[in-house]
């Protein structure tokens, strides 16, 4: 069975929208905001630091932010999910 590859999300802010095409070689483009001029880019988690270093050297990149979704707790500590499923 094939191992699942972990991906991380990067938000790459651009100077011009036409430079979006250049980002497709770094990862998978999930979303492009034309008004705010940013691209949501999915990259492999093990290559994250090297891709950020490569993108920071590019002249068309204004700013790079990583997604904080992996740092959020996804467990519900104060909610008992058993009572919600019973329909009470």
C-alpha atoms as a PDB file:
ATOM      1  CA  UNK A   1       0.000   0.000   0.000  1.00  0.00           C
ATOM      2  CA  UNK A   2       1.248   3.435  -0.881  1.00  0.00           C
ATOM      3  CA  UNK A   3       2.202   5.850   1.912  1.00  0.00           C
ATOM      4  CA  UNK A   4       0.188   9.056   2.125  1.00  0.00           C
ATOM      5  CA  UNK A   5       2.226  12.156   1.307  1.00  0.00           C
ATOM      6  CA  UNK A   6       1.741  15.099   3.653  1.00  0.00           C
ATOM      7  CA  UNK A   7       1.196  18.477   2.017  1.00  0.00           C
ATOM      8  CA  UNK A   8       1.405  22.002   3.386  1.00  0.00           C
ATOM      9  CA  UNK A   9      -0.233  25.130   2.115  1.00  0.00           C
ATOM     10  CA  UNK A  10       1.669  28.277   1.194  1.00  0.00           C
ATOM     11  CA  UNK A  11       0.188  31.667   0.440  1.00  0.00           C
ATOM     12  CA  UNK A  12       2.394  33.427  -2.094  1.00  0.00           C
ATOM     13  CA  UNK A  13       1.704  37.121  -2.657  1.00  0.00           C
ATOM     14  CA  UNK A  14       2.649  38.403  -6.110  1.00  0.00           C
ATOM     15  CA  UNK A  15       3.400  41.782  -7.641  1.00  0.00           C
ATOM     16  CA  UNK A  16       1.530  40.924 -10.853  1.00  0.00           C
ATOM     17  CA  UNK A  17      -1.158  38.319 -11.526  1.00  0.00           C
ATOM     18  CA  UNK A  18       0.515  37.159 -14.720  1.00  0.00           C
ATOM     19  CA  UNK A  19       3.312  35.599 -12.640  1.00  0.00           C
ATOM     20  CA  UNK A  20       0.930  32.908 -11.365  1.00  0.00           C
ATOM     21  CA  UNK A  21       2.040  30.614 -14.183  1.00  0.00           C
ATOM     22  CA  UNK A  22       5.580  30.552 -12.834  1.00  0.00           C
ATOM     23  CA  UNK A  23       4.418  28.996  -9.542  1.00  0.00           C
ATOM     24  CA  UNK A  24       3.056  25.817 -11.113  1.00  0.00           C
ATOM     25  CA  UNK A  25       6.545  24.297 -11.169  1.00  0.00           C
ATOM     26  CA  UNK A  26       6.823  24.575  -7.365  1.00  0.00           C
ATOM     27  CA  UNK A  27       3.577  22.817  -6.427  1.00  0.00           C
ATOM     28  CA  UNK A  28      -0.159  22.508  -7.041  1.00  0.00           C
ATOM     29  CA  UNK A  29      -2.115  25.750  -7.337  1.00  0.00           C
ATOM     30  CA  UNK A  30      -5.382  25.489  -5.421  1.00  0.00           C
ATOM     31  CA  UNK A  31      -6.648  29.081  -5.518  1.00  0.00           C
ATOM     32  CA  UNK A  32      -5.736  32.396  -7.119  1.00  0.00           C
ATOM     33  CA  UNK A  33      -7.155  35.683  -5.855  1.00  0.00           C
ATOM     34  CA  UNK A  34      -6.865  38.193  -8.651  1.00  0.00           C
ATOM     35  CA  UNK A  35      -7.985  41.138  -6.540  1.00  0.00           C
ATOM     36  CA  UNK A  36      -5.594  40.518  -3.631  1.00  0.00           C
ATOM     37  CA  UNK A  37      -2.889  39.011  -5.903  1.00  0.00           C
ATOM     38  CA  UNK A  38      -2.075  35.869  -3.972  1.00  0.00           C
ATOM     39  CA  UNK A  39      -1.911  32.173  -4.816  1.00  0.00           C
ATOM     40  CA  UNK A  40      -2.602  29.252  -2.501  1.00  0.00           C
ATOM     41  CA  UNK A  41       0.035  26.662  -3.314  1.00  0.00           C
ATOM     42  CA  UNK A  42       0.193  23.086  -1.999  1.00  0.00           C
ATOM     43  CA  UNK A  43       3.689  21.639  -1.643  1.00  0.00           C
ATOM     44  CA  UNK A  44       5.091  18.466  -0.088  1.00  0.00           C
ATOM     45  CA  UNK A  45       5.795  18.920   3.618  1.00  0.00           C
ATOM     46  CA  UNK A  46       9.321  17.531   3.436  1.00  0.00           C
ATOM     47  CA  UNK A  47      10.268  20.061   0.717  1.00  0.00           C
ATOM     48  CA  UNK A  48       8.649  23.069   2.400  1.00  0.00           C
ATOM     49  CA  UNK A  49      11.784  24.866   3.611  1.00  0.00           C
ATOM     50  CA  UNK A  50      13.659  24.445   0.332  1.00  0.00           C
ATOM     51  CA  UNK A  51      10.700  25.701  -1.725  1.00  0.00           C
ATOM     52  CA  UNK A  52      10.287  28.742   0.538  1.00  0.00           C
ATOM     53  CA  UNK A  53      13.989  29.536   0.113  1.00  0.00           C
ATOM     54  CA  UNK A  54      13.688  29.225  -3.669  1.00  0.00           C
ATOM     55  CA  UNK A  55      10.573  31.415  -3.814  1.00  0.00           C
ATOM     56  CA  UNK A  56      12.093  34.145  -1.650  1.00  0.00           C
ATOM     57  CA  UNK A  57      14.845  34.522  -4.218  1.00  0.00           C
ATOM     58  CA  UNK A  58      12.378  35.151  -7.044  1.00  0.00           C
ATOM     59  CA  UNK A  59      11.770  38.752  -8.122  1.00  0.00           C
ATOM     60  CA  UNK A  60       8.034  38.293  -8.741  1.00  0.00           C
ATOM     61  CA  UNK A  61       7.254  37.180  -5.142  1.00  0.00           C
ATOM     62  CA  UNK A  62       6.257  39.919  -2.688  1.00  0.00           C
ATOM     63  CA  UNK A  63       5.580  37.815   0.452  1.00  0.00           C
ATOM     64  CA  UNK A  64       5.180  34.181   1.547  1.00  0.00           C
ATOM     65  CA  UNK A  65       3.054  32.901   4.418  1.00  0.00           C
ATOM     66  CA  UNK A  66       2.569  29.321   5.564  1.00  0.00           C
ATOM     67  CA  UNK A  67      -0.804  27.944   6.565  1.00  0.00           C
ATOM     68  CA  UNK A  68      -1.388  27.551  10.298  1.00  0.00           C
ATOM     69  CA  UNK A  69      -3.923  24.748   9.929  1.00  0.00           C
ATOM     70  CA  UNK A  70      -1.484  22.053  11.061  1.00  0.00           C
ATOM     71  CA  UNK A  71      -0.835  23.957  14.299  1.00  0.00           C
ATOM     72  CA  UNK A  72      -4.506  24.167  15.300  1.00  0.00           C
ATOM     73  CA  UNK A  73      -5.853  21.546  17.703  1.00  0.00           C
ATOM     74  CA  UNK A  74      -8.456  19.406  15.972  1.00  0.00           C
ATOM     75  CA  UNK A  75      -9.789  17.708  19.096  1.00  0.00           C
ATOM     76  CA  UNK A  76     -12.847  18.873  20.979  1.00  0.00           C
ATOM     77  CA  UNK A  77     -11.996  18.824  24.682  1.00  0.00           C
ATOM     78  CA  UNK A  78     -15.110  20.384  26.193  1.00  0.00           C
ATOM     79  CA  UNK A  79     -17.728  18.677  24.002  1.00  0.00           C
ATOM     80  CA  UNK A  80     -18.866  15.125  24.619  1.00  0.00           C
ATOM     81  CA  UNK A  81     -19.488  13.799  21.114  1.00  0.00           C
ATOM     82  CA  UNK A  82     -21.356  10.753  22.484  1.00  0.00           C
ATOM     83  CA  UNK A  83     -24.265  12.891  23.682  1.00  0.00           C
ATOM     84  CA  UNK A  84     -24.525  14.688  20.366  1.00  0.00           C
ATOM     85  CA  UNK A  85     -24.900  11.456  18.384  1.00  0.00           C
ATOM     86  CA  UNK A  86     -27.716  10.066  20.507  1.00  0.00           C
ATOM     87  CA  UNK A  87     -30.052  12.868  19.460  1.00  0.00           C
ATOM     88  CA  UNK A  88     -30.782  14.234  22.961  1.00  0.00           C
END
